[in-house]
Amino acid sequence: MKLQKLWSAKNWAHVFRRLPRLMTSSQIPLGEKMLFLVPALLYWILPDAIPFMPLDDIAVSMILMNWFVNRAERKYPVL
C-alpha cells in the first residue's frame, strides 16, 4: 500500500464505513474476523508485554483495521 493512500482521509472514511459491515457480515467466517480482533485485543490488554513496539493503541488498531478491511474486500469482493 502506498503511504499516500494510508494518510488519505478518503481511505480512512472508507475503512471506518466498511469495518462494522464486514465484522457483522455472516458471509465472512468467524476465523477471518478473529484475525482482526485477537491481535487488537491482545495489544490493548498486554501493551507492556510487547516492548519492541512503542506504538499507541489507537495506531495499532487503525493499522489492523486498514489491513482487515483491505484483506476482506479482496477475499470477499461481493460484500
N, C-alpha and C. Protein backbone atom coordinates (compact mmCIF):
# COMPACT_ATOMS: atom_id res chain seq x y z
N MET A 1 0.84 -1.17 0.00
CA MET A 1 0.00 0.00 0.00
C MET A 1 0.88 1.23 0.00
N LYS A 2 0.49 2.20 -0.77
CA LYS A 2 1.26 3.43 -0.83
C LYS A 2 1.02 4.24 0.44
N LEU A 3 2.07 4.91 0.87
CA LEU A 3 1.98 5.72 2.07
C LEU A 3 0.99 6.86 1.90
N GLN A 4 0.89 7.39 0.69
CA GLN A 4 -0.04 8.48 0.42
C GLN A 4 -1.48 8.02 0.65
N LYS A 5 -1.80 6.79 0.26
CA LYS A 5 -3.14 6.27 0.46
C LYS A 5 -3.41 6.04 1.94
N LEU A 6 -2.39 5.62 2.68
CA LEU A 6 -2.55 5.37 4.10
C LEU A 6 -2.91 6.65 4.86
N TRP A 7 -2.41 7.78 4.42
CA TRP A 7 -2.69 9.06 5.09
C TRP A 7 -3.93 9.75 4.55
N SER A 8 -4.58 9.16 3.57
CA SER A 8 -5.72 9.78 2.92
C SER A 8 -6.98 9.72 3.80
N ALA A 9 -7.64 10.86 3.93
CA ALA A 9 -8.89 10.92 4.69
C ALA A 9 -9.97 10.08 4.00
N LYS A 10 -9.94 10.04 2.68
CA LYS A 10 -10.91 9.25 1.93
C LYS A 10 -10.74 7.76 2.24
N ASN A 11 -9.50 7.29 2.35
CA ASN A 11 -9.23 5.90 2.70
C ASN A 11 -9.76 5.58 4.09
N TRP A 12 -9.51 6.45 5.06
CA TRP A 12 -9.95 6.17 6.43
C TRP A 12 -11.47 6.26 6.55
N ALA A 13 -12.11 7.14 5.80
CA ALA A 13 -13.57 7.18 5.80
C ALA A 13 -14.12 5.86 5.28
N HIS A 14 -13.49 5.33 4.25
CA HIS A 14 -13.89 4.04 3.69
C HIS A 14 -13.70 2.92 4.72
N VAL A 15 -12.55 2.91 5.40
CA VAL A 15 -12.26 1.87 6.40
C VAL A 15 -13.27 1.93 7.53
N PHE A 16 -13.54 3.11 8.07
CA PHE A 16 -14.48 3.23 9.17
C PHE A 16 -15.91 2.91 8.76
N ARG A 17 -16.26 3.15 7.50
CA ARG A 17 -17.59 2.82 7.00
C ARG A 17 -17.75 1.32 6.77
N ARG A 18 -16.71 0.67 6.28
CA ARG A 18 -16.79 -0.75 5.91
C ARG A 18 -16.57 -1.71 7.07
N LEU A 19 -15.76 -1.34 8.06
CA LEU A 19 -15.41 -2.26 9.14
C LEU A 19 -16.64 -2.81 9.87
N PRO A 20 -17.59 -1.99 10.31
CA PRO A 20 -18.75 -2.57 11.00
C PRO A 20 -19.55 -3.54 10.12
N ARG A 21 -19.69 -3.20 8.84
CA ARG A 21 -20.42 -4.10 7.93
C ARG A 21 -19.70 -5.42 7.74
N LEU A 22 -18.38 -5.36 7.62
CA LEU A 22 -17.61 -6.59 7.44
C LEU A 22 -17.60 -7.44 8.70
N MET A 23 -17.52 -6.80 9.87
CA MET A 23 -17.48 -7.55 11.12
C MET A 23 -18.82 -8.20 11.44
N THR A 24 -19.92 -7.62 10.98
CA THR A 24 -21.24 -8.19 11.26
C THR A 24 -21.76 -9.06 10.12
N SER A 25 -21.03 -9.15 9.04
CA SER A 25 -21.46 -9.94 7.90
C SER A 25 -21.41 -11.43 8.21
N SER A 26 -22.46 -12.12 7.82
CA SER A 26 -22.49 -13.57 8.03
C SER A 26 -21.71 -14.30 6.94
N GLN A 27 -21.33 -13.61 5.88
CA GLN A 27 -20.59 -14.24 4.79
C GLN A 27 -19.10 -14.36 5.07
N ILE A 28 -18.61 -13.62 6.06
CA ILE A 28 -17.20 -13.71 6.44
C ILE A 28 -17.11 -14.64 7.64
N PRO A 29 -16.31 -15.70 7.54
CA PRO A 29 -16.21 -16.66 8.65
C PRO A 29 -15.63 -16.02 9.91
N LEU A 30 -15.98 -16.59 11.04
CA LEU A 30 -15.53 -16.09 12.33
C LEU A 30 -14.00 -16.10 12.43
N GLY A 31 -13.36 -17.09 11.85
CA GLY A 31 -11.90 -17.16 11.86
C GLY A 31 -11.26 -15.96 11.20
N GLU A 32 -11.86 -15.48 10.13
CA GLU A 32 -11.35 -14.28 9.45
C GLU A 32 -11.49 -13.05 10.35
N LYS A 33 -12.61 -12.95 11.04
CA LYS A 33 -12.84 -11.81 11.92
C LYS A 33 -11.88 -11.85 13.11
N MET A 34 -11.54 -13.04 13.55
CA MET A 34 -10.61 -13.18 14.67
C MET A 34 -9.20 -12.71 14.31
N LEU A 35 -8.87 -12.71 13.00
CA LEU A 35 -7.56 -12.20 12.57
C LEU A 35 -7.42 -10.72 12.88
N PHE A 36 -8.53 -10.03 13.00
CA PHE A 36 -8.51 -8.63 13.40
C PHE A 36 -8.68 -8.47 14.91
N LEU A 37 -9.66 -9.17 15.47
CA LEU A 37 -10.00 -8.97 16.87
C LEU A 37 -8.92 -9.44 17.85
N VAL A 38 -8.37 -10.61 17.63
CA VAL A 38 -7.41 -11.17 18.59
C VAL A 38 -6.16 -10.30 18.73
N PRO A 39 -5.49 -9.92 17.63
CA PRO A 39 -4.30 -9.06 17.81
C PRO A 39 -4.65 -7.70 18.44
N ALA A 40 -5.79 -7.13 18.06
CA ALA A 40 -6.17 -5.83 18.63
C ALA A 40 -6.43 -5.95 20.13
N LEU A 41 -7.18 -6.95 20.53
CA LEU A 41 -7.46 -7.14 21.95
C LEU A 41 -6.20 -7.46 22.74
N LEU A 42 -5.35 -8.30 22.19
CA LEU A 42 -4.10 -8.61 22.88
C LEU A 42 -3.23 -7.38 23.05
N TYR A 43 -3.18 -6.53 22.04
CA TYR A 43 -2.37 -5.32 22.16
C TYR A 43 -2.96 -4.35 23.18
N TRP A 44 -4.30 -4.28 23.23
CA TRP A 44 -4.93 -3.40 24.21
C TRP A 44 -4.71 -3.91 25.63
N ILE A 45 -4.76 -5.24 25.81
CA ILE A 45 -4.64 -5.82 27.14
C ILE A 45 -3.19 -5.94 27.59
N LEU A 46 -2.30 -6.31 26.68
CA LEU A 46 -0.90 -6.58 27.04
C LEU A 46 0.09 -5.64 26.35
N PRO A 47 -0.07 -4.33 26.45
CA PRO A 47 0.86 -3.45 25.73
C PRO A 47 2.28 -3.49 26.28
N ASP A 48 2.41 -3.77 27.57
CA ASP A 48 3.75 -3.82 28.15
C ASP A 48 4.48 -5.12 27.85
N ALA A 49 3.75 -6.12 27.41
CA ALA A 49 4.37 -7.40 27.08
C ALA A 49 5.05 -7.36 25.71
N ILE A 50 4.81 -6.30 24.97
CA ILE A 50 5.39 -6.16 23.63
C ILE A 50 6.26 -4.90 23.64
N PRO A 51 7.40 -4.93 24.30
CA PRO A 51 8.20 -3.71 24.44
C PRO A 51 8.87 -3.22 23.16
N PHE A 52 8.97 -4.08 22.16
CA PHE A 52 9.64 -3.67 20.93
C PHE A 52 8.74 -2.88 20.00
N MET A 53 7.48 -2.69 20.36
CA MET A 53 6.54 -1.93 19.53
C MET A 53 6.01 -0.73 20.31
N PRO A 54 6.71 0.38 20.31
CA PRO A 54 6.25 1.54 21.08
C PRO A 54 5.19 2.36 20.33
N LEU A 55 4.14 1.71 19.89
CA LEU A 55 3.07 2.40 19.19
C LEU A 55 1.87 2.55 20.12
N ASP A 56 1.12 3.56 19.88
CA ASP A 56 -0.08 3.80 20.65
C ASP A 56 -1.15 2.76 20.30
N ASP A 57 -2.04 2.48 21.23
CA ASP A 57 -3.11 1.51 20.99
C ASP A 57 -3.98 1.90 19.80
N ILE A 58 -4.25 3.18 19.66
CA ILE A 58 -5.09 3.64 18.55
C ILE A 58 -4.38 3.42 17.22
N ALA A 59 -3.09 3.67 17.17
CA ALA A 59 -2.34 3.48 15.93
C ALA A 59 -2.34 2.01 15.52
N VAL A 60 -2.12 1.12 16.48
CA VAL A 60 -2.13 -0.31 16.18
C VAL A 60 -3.52 -0.74 15.71
N SER A 61 -4.55 -0.25 16.38
CA SER A 61 -5.92 -0.60 15.99
C SER A 61 -6.23 -0.11 14.58
N MET A 62 -5.80 1.09 14.25
CA MET A 62 -6.07 1.62 12.91
C MET A 62 -5.30 0.86 11.84
N ILE A 63 -4.07 0.47 12.14
CA ILE A 63 -3.30 -0.33 11.18
C ILE A 63 -3.99 -1.67 10.95
N LEU A 64 -4.45 -2.30 12.04
CA LEU A 64 -5.15 -3.58 11.90
C LEU A 64 -6.48 -3.42 11.17
N MET A 65 -7.19 -2.32 11.44
CA MET A 65 -8.45 -2.07 10.75
C MET A 65 -8.23 -1.95 9.24
N ASN A 66 -7.25 -1.16 8.87
CA ASN A 66 -6.93 -0.97 7.46
C ASN A 66 -6.56 -2.29 6.80
N TRP A 67 -5.72 -3.06 7.47
CA TRP A 67 -5.30 -4.36 6.94
C TRP A 67 -6.50 -5.29 6.78
N PHE A 68 -7.37 -5.36 7.80
CA PHE A 68 -8.51 -6.27 7.76
C PHE A 68 -9.48 -5.89 6.65
N VAL A 69 -9.80 -4.61 6.53
CA VAL A 69 -10.75 -4.17 5.50
C VAL A 69 -10.20 -4.47 4.11
N ASN A 70 -8.94 -4.15 3.87
CA ASN A 70 -8.34 -4.43 2.55
C ASN A 70 -8.33 -5.93 2.26
N ARG A 71 -7.98 -6.73 3.25
CA ARG A 71 -7.93 -8.19 3.07
C ARG A 71 -9.32 -8.77 2.82
N ALA A 72 -10.30 -8.35 3.62
CA ALA A 72 -11.66 -8.87 3.47
C ALA A 72 -12.27 -8.45 2.14
N GLU A 73 -12.03 -7.24 1.69
CA GLU A 73 -12.58 -6.80 0.42
C GLU A 73 -11.94 -7.52 -0.76
N ARG A 74 -10.67 -7.89 -0.64
CA ARG A 74 -10.04 -8.67 -1.72
C ARG A 74 -10.55 -10.10 -1.72
N LYS A 75 -10.72 -10.68 -0.53
CA LYS A 75 -11.10 -12.08 -0.43
C LYS A 75 -12.60 -12.29 -0.66
N TYR A 76 -13.42 -11.35 -0.25
CA TYR A 76 -14.87 -11.44 -0.38
C TYR A 76 -15.39 -10.20 -1.13
N PRO A 77 -15.16 -10.11 -2.42
CA PRO A 77 -15.47 -8.87 -3.16
C PRO A 77 -16.96 -8.59 -3.33
N VAL A 78 -17.83 -9.55 -3.09
CA VAL A 78 -19.26 -9.33 -3.33
C VAL A 78 -19.96 -8.64 -2.17
N LEU A 79 -19.28 -8.43 -1.06
CA LEU A 79 -19.92 -7.80 0.10
C LEU A 79 -20.05 -6.32 -0.08
